[in-house]
Amino acid sequence: MILPVSYEIKINSSKEKLWDLISSPGHLNLFHPFCKKNKAINWNKNGKKDILIYLNGLKYIREFYKWDENYGYGLLIGKENGEKSKVEWKILSRNNKVFLNIKVFPYIFHNKNKLVYLFYYYFFIKPMLKKYLSSVLRGINWHLKNKKPVPKNKFGKHSWFS
């Protein structure tokens, strides 16, 4: 069993500007407050793959398995030879406003028994991932407004990634 964690925010920009930002190689360098470095390994129409190095030195590989131009994408993220979490980024339009939703299906603790997993999910995984996703999404709005890379830990430190 893997329960998702999602977060959504209104984006203060056009859908096109948002897509241009989140679909460019190395995009996390611009808006991710816990990103030390984001480098494309492969970024073309045959496939997309990059490396994300967090502020604390943790290295994750992101492999994109779905690419829906101007609407979002799906990816797997984790250590190179380790388990991976599934992540979906979706651009939404409602009432002439633009929203970005990120949904994570975290692999952590998924192999525990159901009761142990549910305990960890509700009291550990979900709150920590909500804080993380909120910071990433707020970083996008900050970058779009200020036109420069978001400062490290701009919205507070995170014990998993700072």
N, C-alpha and C. Protein backbone atom coordinates (compact mmCIF):
# COMPACT_ATOMS: atom_id res chain seq x y z
N MET A 1 0.85 -1.18 0.00
CA MET A 1 0.00 0.00 0.00
C MET A 1 0.89 1.24 0.00
N ILE A 2 0.60 2.17 -0.90
CA ILE A 2 1.29 3.46 -0.93
C ILE A 2 0.23 4.55 -1.06
N LEU A 3 0.11 5.38 -0.03
CA LEU A 3 -0.84 6.48 -0.05
C LEU A 3 -0.15 7.74 -0.55
N PRO A 4 -0.84 8.54 -1.37
CA PRO A 4 -0.21 9.74 -1.92
C PRO A 4 -0.28 10.94 -0.97
N VAL A 5 0.59 11.89 -1.21
CA VAL A 5 0.56 13.19 -0.54
C VAL A 5 0.59 14.22 -1.66
N SER A 6 -0.35 15.16 -1.62
CA SER A 6 -0.37 16.17 -2.68
C SER A 6 -0.49 17.57 -2.09
N TYR A 7 -0.08 18.52 -2.89
CA TYR A 7 -0.18 19.93 -2.50
C TYR A 7 -0.41 20.73 -3.77
N GLU A 8 -1.25 21.75 -3.65
CA GLU A 8 -1.59 22.57 -4.81
C GLU A 8 -1.53 24.04 -4.42
N ILE A 9 -1.10 24.86 -5.36
CA ILE A 9 -1.00 26.29 -5.11
C ILE A 9 -1.41 27.05 -6.37
N LYS A 10 -1.99 28.23 -6.15
CA LYS A 10 -2.31 29.12 -7.27
C LYS A 10 -0.99 29.74 -7.73
N ILE A 11 -0.78 29.72 -9.03
CA ILE A 11 0.45 30.26 -9.61
C ILE A 11 0.16 31.64 -10.18
N ASN A 12 0.99 32.59 -9.80
CA ASN A 12 0.81 33.97 -10.24
C ASN A 12 1.54 34.21 -11.56
N SER A 13 1.10 33.49 -12.57
CA SER A 13 1.73 33.57 -13.89
C SER A 13 0.81 32.89 -14.90
N SER A 14 1.19 32.99 -16.15
CA SER A 14 0.43 32.30 -17.19
C SER A 14 0.82 30.82 -17.20
N LYS A 15 -0.06 30.03 -17.77
CA LYS A 15 0.20 28.60 -17.93
C LYS A 15 1.45 28.37 -18.77
N GLU A 16 1.63 29.20 -19.80
CA GLU A 16 2.77 29.06 -20.71
C GLU A 16 4.10 29.36 -20.00
N LYS A 17 4.13 30.43 -19.20
CA LYS A 17 5.36 30.76 -18.46
C LYS A 17 5.67 29.69 -17.43
N LEU A 18 4.64 29.18 -16.78
CA LEU A 18 4.84 28.10 -15.81
C LEU A 18 5.42 26.87 -16.49
N TRP A 19 4.83 26.48 -17.62
CA TRP A 19 5.33 25.30 -18.33
C TRP A 19 6.78 25.51 -18.79
N ASP A 20 7.07 26.68 -19.33
CA ASP A 20 8.45 26.97 -19.76
C ASP A 20 9.42 26.78 -18.60
N LEU A 21 9.02 27.22 -17.42
CA LEU A 21 9.89 27.10 -16.25
C LEU A 21 10.06 25.65 -15.82
N ILE A 22 8.97 24.93 -15.61
CA ILE A 22 9.08 23.58 -15.03
C ILE A 22 9.50 22.51 -16.03
N SER A 23 9.56 22.86 -17.31
CA SER A 23 9.95 21.87 -18.31
C SER A 23 11.37 22.08 -18.84
N SER A 24 12.06 23.08 -18.36
CA SER A 24 13.41 23.35 -18.85
C SER A 24 14.44 22.51 -18.08
N PRO A 25 15.55 22.14 -18.74
CA PRO A 25 16.58 21.37 -18.04
C PRO A 25 17.18 22.18 -16.90
N GLY A 26 17.39 21.53 -15.76
CA GLY A 26 17.97 22.20 -14.60
C GLY A 26 17.02 23.15 -13.89
N HIS A 27 15.72 23.00 -14.14
CA HIS A 27 14.74 23.95 -13.61
C HIS A 27 14.71 24.06 -12.09
N LEU A 28 15.05 23.00 -11.39
CA LEU A 28 14.99 23.05 -9.93
C LEU A 28 16.00 24.04 -9.35
N ASN A 29 17.08 24.32 -10.08
CA ASN A 29 18.07 25.32 -9.63
C ASN A 29 17.43 26.69 -9.43
N LEU A 30 16.36 26.97 -10.13
CA LEU A 30 15.74 28.29 -10.10
C LEU A 30 14.75 28.48 -8.96
N PHE A 31 14.04 27.43 -8.57
CA PHE A 31 12.95 27.63 -7.61
C PHE A 31 12.90 26.67 -6.43
N HIS A 32 13.72 25.65 -6.40
CA HIS A 32 13.65 24.65 -5.34
C HIS A 32 14.50 25.09 -4.16
N PRO A 33 13.88 25.40 -3.01
CA PRO A 33 14.65 25.95 -1.89
C PRO A 33 15.59 24.97 -1.19
N PHE A 34 15.47 23.68 -1.48
CA PHE A 34 16.36 22.68 -0.87
C PHE A 34 17.33 22.08 -1.87
N CYS A 35 17.39 22.65 -3.08
CA CYS A 35 18.23 22.13 -4.15
C CYS A 35 19.61 22.79 -4.12
N LYS A 36 20.63 21.95 -4.00
CA LYS A 36 22.01 22.43 -4.12
C LYS A 36 22.39 22.49 -5.59
N LYS A 37 21.98 21.43 -6.33
CA LYS A 37 22.28 21.37 -7.77
C LYS A 37 21.29 20.44 -8.46
N ASN A 38 20.86 20.86 -9.65
CA ASN A 38 19.98 20.05 -10.50
C ASN A 38 20.57 20.07 -11.90
N LYS A 39 21.00 18.90 -12.36
CA LYS A 39 21.68 18.83 -13.66
C LYS A 39 21.03 17.76 -14.53
N ALA A 40 20.76 18.13 -15.78
CA ALA A 40 20.20 17.17 -16.73
C ALA A 40 21.25 16.13 -17.10
N ILE A 41 20.84 14.88 -17.08
CA ILE A 41 21.69 13.78 -17.56
C ILE A 41 21.34 13.54 -19.03
N ASN A 42 20.05 13.55 -19.30
CA ASN A 42 19.50 13.37 -20.64
C ASN A 42 18.25 14.24 -20.71
N TRP A 43 18.15 15.12 -21.71
CA TRP A 43 16.99 16.01 -21.79
C TRP A 43 16.67 16.28 -23.25
N ASN A 44 15.98 15.32 -23.87
CA ASN A 44 15.57 15.49 -25.26
C ASN A 44 14.25 14.77 -25.47
N LYS A 45 13.79 14.73 -26.72
CA LYS A 45 12.47 14.13 -26.96
C LYS A 45 12.46 12.61 -26.80
N ASN A 46 13.63 11.99 -26.73
CA ASN A 46 13.70 10.54 -26.51
C ASN A 46 13.63 10.16 -25.03
N GLY A 47 13.77 11.14 -24.17
CA GLY A 47 13.68 10.87 -22.74
C GLY A 47 14.29 11.98 -21.92
N LYS A 48 13.88 12.02 -20.67
CA LYS A 48 14.38 13.04 -19.76
C LYS A 48 14.78 12.39 -18.45
N LYS A 49 15.98 12.78 -17.98
CA LYS A 49 16.52 12.24 -16.74
C LYS A 49 17.46 13.28 -16.17
N ASP A 50 17.37 13.51 -14.85
CA ASP A 50 18.30 14.45 -14.24
C ASP A 50 18.70 13.99 -12.85
N ILE A 51 19.64 14.72 -12.27
CA ILE A 51 20.09 14.44 -10.91
C ILE A 51 19.75 15.65 -10.05
N LEU A 52 19.27 15.37 -8.86
CA LEU A 52 18.95 16.41 -7.89
C LEU A 52 19.83 16.17 -6.67
N ILE A 53 20.66 17.14 -6.34
CA ILE A 53 21.47 17.06 -5.13
C ILE A 53 20.89 18.08 -4.15
N TYR A 54 20.44 17.56 -3.01
CA TYR A 54 19.84 18.41 -1.98
C TYR A 54 20.92 19.13 -1.18
N LEU A 55 20.51 20.12 -0.41
CA LEU A 55 21.44 20.90 0.40
C LEU A 55 22.25 20.04 1.37
N ASN A 56 21.65 18.95 1.85
CA ASN A 56 22.35 18.06 2.79
C ASN A 56 23.23 17.02 2.10
N GLY A 57 23.33 17.08 0.77
CA GLY A 57 24.18 16.17 0.01
C GLY A 57 23.48 14.93 -0.53
N LEU A 58 22.24 14.70 -0.15
CA LEU A 58 21.47 13.56 -0.66
C LEU A 58 21.32 13.69 -2.17
N LYS A 59 21.63 12.60 -2.91
CA LYS A 59 21.55 12.61 -4.37
C LYS A 59 20.42 11.71 -4.84
N TYR A 60 19.52 12.26 -5.62
CA TYR A 60 18.42 11.51 -6.20
C TYR A 60 18.46 11.65 -7.72
N ILE A 61 18.07 10.58 -8.37
CA ILE A 61 17.89 10.57 -9.82
C ILE A 61 16.40 10.71 -10.10
N ARG A 62 16.06 11.56 -11.06
CA ARG A 62 14.66 11.70 -11.49
C ARG A 62 14.57 11.20 -12.92
N GLU A 63 13.72 10.20 -13.14
CA GLU A 63 13.49 9.65 -14.48
C GLU A 63 12.04 9.93 -14.87
N PHE A 64 11.86 10.68 -15.94
CA PHE A 64 10.53 11.08 -16.38
C PHE A 64 9.94 9.98 -17.27
N TYR A 65 8.78 9.49 -16.90
CA TYR A 65 8.14 8.42 -17.67
C TYR A 65 6.93 8.92 -18.46
N LYS A 66 6.45 10.13 -18.14
CA LYS A 66 5.29 10.70 -18.85
C LYS A 66 5.56 12.18 -19.06
N TRP A 67 5.31 12.66 -20.26
CA TRP A 67 5.54 14.06 -20.60
C TRP A 67 4.34 14.56 -21.39
N ASP A 68 3.52 15.39 -20.77
CA ASP A 68 2.31 15.90 -21.39
C ASP A 68 2.48 17.41 -21.60
N GLU A 69 2.98 17.77 -22.77
CA GLU A 69 3.35 19.16 -23.10
C GLU A 69 2.29 20.16 -22.64
N ASN A 70 2.71 21.15 -21.88
CA ASN A 70 1.87 22.23 -21.35
C ASN A 70 0.89 21.81 -20.26
N TYR A 71 0.91 20.54 -19.86
CA TYR A 71 -0.02 20.08 -18.83
C TYR A 71 0.66 19.42 -17.63
N GLY A 72 1.84 18.86 -17.81
CA GLY A 72 2.51 18.24 -16.68
C GLY A 72 3.33 17.04 -17.06
N TYR A 73 3.79 16.33 -16.06
CA TYR A 73 4.61 15.14 -16.29
C TYR A 73 4.60 14.23 -15.07
N GLY A 74 5.08 13.01 -15.30
CA GLY A 74 5.23 12.03 -14.23
C GLY A 74 6.68 11.59 -14.19
N LEU A 75 7.17 11.32 -12.99
CA LEU A 75 8.56 10.91 -12.85
C LEU A 75 8.71 9.95 -11.68
N LEU A 76 9.83 9.25 -11.70
CA LEU A 76 10.23 8.41 -10.57
C LEU A 76 11.48 9.05 -9.98
N ILE A 77 11.53 9.13 -8.64
CA ILE A 77 12.66 9.77 -7.97
C ILE A 77 13.17 8.88 -6.84
N GLY A 78 14.49 8.80 -6.74
CA GLY A 78 15.11 8.04 -5.66
C GLY A 78 16.59 7.89 -5.89
N LYS A 79 17.24 7.18 -4.99
CA LYS A 79 18.67 6.92 -5.16
C LYS A 79 18.86 6.07 -6.41
N GLU A 80 20.04 6.18 -7.02
CA GLU A 80 20.27 5.56 -8.32
C GLU A 80 19.86 4.09 -8.37
N ASN A 81 20.27 3.29 -7.43
CA ASN A 81 19.93 1.87 -7.44
C ASN A 81 18.97 1.51 -6.31
N GLY A 82 18.25 2.50 -5.81
CA GLY A 82 17.33 2.27 -4.70
C GLY A 82 15.88 2.31 -5.13
N GLU A 83 15.01 2.24 -4.13
CA GLU A 83 13.58 2.32 -4.41
C GLU A 83 13.24 3.74 -4.86
N LYS A 84 12.15 3.85 -5.60
CA LYS A 84 11.75 5.13 -6.18
C LYS A 84 10.33 5.50 -5.73
N SER A 85 10.14 6.80 -5.57
CA SER A 85 8.80 7.34 -5.34
C SER A 85 8.28 7.87 -6.67
N LYS A 86 6.99 7.74 -6.86
CA LYS A 86 6.33 8.26 -8.06
C LYS A 86 5.86 9.69 -7.76
N VAL A 87 6.07 10.60 -8.72
CA VAL A 87 5.67 12.00 -8.54
C VAL A 87 4.95 12.47 -9.80
N GLU A 88 3.84 13.17 -9.61
CA GLU A 88 3.08 13.74 -10.73
C GLU A 88 2.98 15.26 -10.56
N TRP A 89 3.35 15.99 -11.60
CA TRP A 89 3.20 17.44 -11.65
C TRP A 89 2.09 17.74 -12.65
N LYS A 90 1.06 18.50 -12.22
CA LYS A 90 -0.06 18.81 -13.11
C LYS A 90 -0.39 20.29 -13.07
N ILE A 91 -0.46 20.89 -14.26
CA ILE A 91 -0.90 22.28 -14.39
C ILE A 91 -2.41 22.26 -14.61
N LEU A 92 -3.12 23.04 -13.82
CA LEU A 92 -4.58 23.07 -13.88
C LEU A 92 -5.06 24.50 -14.11
N SER A 93 -6.18 24.64 -14.79
CA SER A 93 -6.82 25.94 -15.00
C SER A 93 -8.23 25.88 -14.44
N ARG A 94 -8.55 26.86 -13.58
CA ARG A 94 -9.90 26.96 -13.02
C ARG A 94 -10.25 28.43 -12.90
N ASN A 95 -11.40 28.81 -13.43
CA ASN A 95 -11.86 30.20 -13.33
C ASN A 95 -10.81 31.20 -13.79
N ASN A 96 -10.19 30.92 -14.91
CA ASN A 96 -9.15 31.79 -15.48
C ASN A 96 -7.93 31.97 -14.57
N LYS A 97 -7.71 31.02 -13.69
CA LYS A 97 -6.54 31.04 -12.81
C LYS A 97 -5.74 29.77 -13.05
N VAL A 98 -4.44 29.86 -12.80
CA VAL A 98 -3.52 28.74 -13.02
C VAL A 98 -3.11 28.16 -11.67
N PHE A 99 -3.13 26.83 -11.59
CA PHE A 99 -2.72 26.12 -10.38
C PHE A 99 -1.70 25.06 -10.76
N LEU A 100 -0.83 24.74 -9.83
CA LEU A 100 0.09 23.63 -10.01
C LEU A 100 -0.10 22.67 -8.85
N ASN A 101 -0.30 21.41 -9.18
CA ASN A 101 -0.47 20.36 -8.19
C ASN A 101 0.69 19.38 -8.31
N ILE A 102 1.30 19.06 -7.19
CA ILE A 102 2.33 18.01 -7.15
C ILE A 102 1.82 16.92 -6.23
N LYS A 103 1.81 15.70 -6.74
CA LYS A 103 1.37 14.54 -5.96
C LYS A 103 2.51 13.54 -5.89
N VAL A 104 2.83 13.11 -4.66
CA VAL A 104 3.92 12.16 -4.43
C VAL A 104 3.33 10.86 -3.88
N PHE A 105 3.80 9.75 -4.43
CA PHE A 105 3.48 8.42 -3.92
C PHE A 105 4.77 7.89 -3.30
N PRO A 106 5.01 8.19 -2.01
CA PRO A 106 6.31 7.88 -1.39
C PRO A 106 6.48 6.39 -1.10
N TYR A 107 7.66 5.88 -1.44
CA TYR A 107 7.93 4.47 -1.19
C TYR A 107 8.26 4.19 0.28
N ILE A 108 8.64 5.22 1.02
CA ILE A 108 9.13 5.03 2.38
C ILE A 108 8.10 4.31 3.27
N PHE A 109 8.55 3.30 3.96
CA PHE A 109 7.77 2.48 4.90
C PHE A 109 6.65 1.68 4.23
N HIS A 110 6.59 1.64 2.90
CA HIS A 110 5.49 0.94 2.25
C HIS A 110 5.52 -0.57 2.48
N ASN A 111 6.69 -1.09 2.86
CA ASN A 111 6.80 -2.54 3.06
C ASN A 111 6.54 -2.95 4.51
N LYS A 112 6.11 -2.03 5.35
CA LYS A 112 5.75 -2.36 6.74
C LYS A 112 4.32 -2.90 6.76
N ASN A 113 3.93 -3.47 7.91
CA ASN A 113 2.54 -3.93 7.97
C ASN A 113 1.61 -2.71 7.92
N LYS A 114 0.36 -2.95 7.59
CA LYS A 114 -0.59 -1.88 7.30
C LYS A 114 -0.73 -0.87 8.45
N LEU A 115 -0.85 -1.34 9.67
CA LEU A 115 -1.02 -0.44 10.80
C LEU A 115 0.21 0.42 11.05
N VAL A 116 1.38 -0.19 10.94
CA VAL A 116 2.63 0.56 11.11
C VAL A 116 2.75 1.61 10.00
N TYR A 117 2.45 1.20 8.77
CA TYR A 117 2.51 2.13 7.65
C TYR A 117 1.56 3.31 7.86
N LEU A 118 0.32 3.03 8.24
CA LEU A 118 -0.66 4.10 8.44
C LEU A 118 -0.21 5.07 9.53
N PHE A 119 0.37 4.54 10.60
CA PHE A 119 0.90 5.39 11.67
C PHE A 119 1.97 6.32 11.11
N TYR A 120 2.97 5.74 10.43
CA TYR A 120 4.05 6.55 9.86
C TYR A 120 3.52 7.54 8.83
N TYR A 121 2.56 7.11 8.03
CA TYR A 121 2.02 7.98 6.98
C TYR A 121 1.37 9.22 7.59
N TYR A 122 0.46 9.03 8.54
CA TYR A 122 -0.30 10.16 9.07
C TYR A 122 0.49 11.05 10.02
N PHE A 123 1.46 10.48 10.73
CA PHE A 123 2.18 11.27 11.73
C PHE A 123 3.60 11.66 11.31
N PHE A 124 4.09 11.17 10.20
CA PHE A 124 5.46 11.43 9.80
C PHE A 124 5.56 11.80 8.32
N ILE A 125 5.17 10.87 7.45
CA ILE A 125 5.34 11.06 6.01
C ILE A 125 4.51 12.23 5.49
N LYS A 126 3.21 12.20 5.74
CA LYS A 126 2.32 13.22 5.18
C LYS A 126 2.67 14.64 5.65
N PRO A 127 2.85 14.88 6.95
CA PRO A 127 3.19 16.25 7.36
C PRO A 127 4.52 16.74 6.80
N MET A 128 5.52 15.85 6.74
CA MET A 128 6.83 16.25 6.24
C MET A 128 6.79 16.52 4.73
N LEU A 129 6.08 15.69 3.98
CA LEU A 129 5.98 15.92 2.54
C LEU A 129 5.13 17.15 2.21
N LYS A 130 4.09 17.43 2.99
CA LYS A 130 3.29 18.64 2.78
C LYS A 130 4.16 19.88 2.95
N LYS A 131 4.99 19.89 3.99
CA LYS A 131 5.90 21.02 4.23
C LYS A 131 6.86 21.17 3.06
N TYR A 132 7.41 20.06 2.60
CA TYR A 132 8.34 20.05 1.47
C TYR A 132 7.68 20.59 0.20
N LEU A 133 6.52 20.04 -0.14
CA LEU A 133 5.82 20.44 -1.36
C LEU A 133 5.40 21.91 -1.30
N SER A 134 4.97 22.37 -0.14
CA SER A 134 4.61 23.77 0.03
C SER A 134 5.80 24.67 -0.27
N SER A 135 6.96 24.31 0.22
CA SER A 135 8.17 25.11 -0.01
C SER A 135 8.55 25.13 -1.49
N VAL A 136 8.47 23.98 -2.15
CA VAL A 136 8.81 23.91 -3.58
C VAL A 136 7.84 24.77 -4.40
N LEU A 137 6.55 24.63 -4.14
CA LEU A 137 5.56 25.39 -4.90
C LEU A 137 5.64 26.89 -4.61
N ARG A 138 5.88 27.26 -3.37
CA ARG A 138 6.06 28.67 -3.04
C ARG A 138 7.31 29.22 -3.72
N GLY A 139 8.32 28.37 -3.87
CA GLY A 139 9.54 28.77 -4.57
C GLY A 139 9.28 29.11 -6.03
N ILE A 140 8.35 28.40 -6.65
CA ILE A 140 7.99 28.70 -8.05
C ILE A 140 7.39 30.10 -8.14
N ASN A 141 6.42 30.40 -7.28
CA ASN A 141 5.83 31.74 -7.31
C ASN A 141 6.86 32.82 -6.99
N TRP A 142 7.74 32.54 -6.03
CA TRP A 142 8.78 33.51 -5.66
C TRP A 142 9.69 33.79 -6.86
N HIS A 143 10.10 32.73 -7.53
CA HIS A 143 10.98 32.90 -8.69
C HIS A 143 10.29 33.64 -9.83
N LEU A 144 9.05 33.30 -10.11
CA LEU A 144 8.32 33.96 -11.20
C LEU A 144 8.15 35.46 -10.92
N LYS A 145 7.99 35.82 -9.65
CA LYS A 145 7.83 37.22 -9.28
C LYS A 145 9.17 37.97 -9.29
N ASN A 146 10.21 37.36 -8.73
CA ASN A 146 11.48 38.05 -8.52
C ASN A 146 12.51 37.85 -9.63
N LYS A 147 12.24 36.91 -10.53
CA LYS A 147 13.12 36.66 -11.70
C LYS A 147 14.56 36.33 -11.32
N LYS A 148 14.74 35.65 -10.21
CA LYS A 148 16.07 35.19 -9.81
C LYS A 148 15.91 33.91 -9.00
N PRO A 149 16.99 33.14 -8.83
CA PRO A 149 16.88 31.88 -8.08
C PRO A 149 16.42 32.11 -6.64
N VAL A 150 15.57 31.22 -6.17
CA VAL A 150 15.07 31.31 -4.80
C VAL A 150 16.22 31.06 -3.82
N PRO A 151 16.31 31.85 -2.75
CA PRO A 151 17.36 31.60 -1.75
C PRO A 151 17.19 30.23 -1.09
N LYS A 152 18.30 29.64 -0.70
CA LYS A 152 18.28 28.32 -0.04
C LYS A 152 17.48 28.41 1.26
N ASN A 153 16.67 27.41 1.52
CA ASN A 153 15.83 27.33 2.72
C ASN A 153 14.94 28.57 2.89
N LYS A 154 14.52 29.18 1.79
CA LYS A 154 13.75 30.43 1.82
C LYS A 154 12.53 30.35 2.72
N PHE A 155 11.86 29.23 2.77
CA PHE A 155 10.61 29.11 3.53
C PHE A 155 10.80 28.26 4.79
N GLY A 156 12.03 28.15 5.25
CA GLY A 156 12.36 27.36 6.43
C GLY A 156 13.12 26.10 6.04
N LYS A 157 13.88 25.59 6.99
CA LYS A 157 14.65 24.37 6.76
C LYS A 157 13.75 23.15 6.80
N HIS A 158 14.23 22.07 6.19
CA HIS A 158 13.51 20.79 6.20
C HIS A 158 14.48 19.72 6.66
N SER A 159 14.11 18.98 7.68
CA SER A 159 15.04 18.01 8.29
C SER A 159 15.47 16.90 7.34
N TRP A 160 14.71 16.62 6.29
CA TRP A 160 15.09 15.57 5.34
C TRP A 160 16.07 16.07 4.28
N PHE A 161 16.05 17.36 3.97
CA PHE A 161 16.78 17.84 2.78
C PHE A 161 17.72 19.02 3.00
N SER A 162 17.58 19.76 4.09
CA SER A 162 18.42 20.94 4.32
C SER A 162 19.79 20.56 4.85
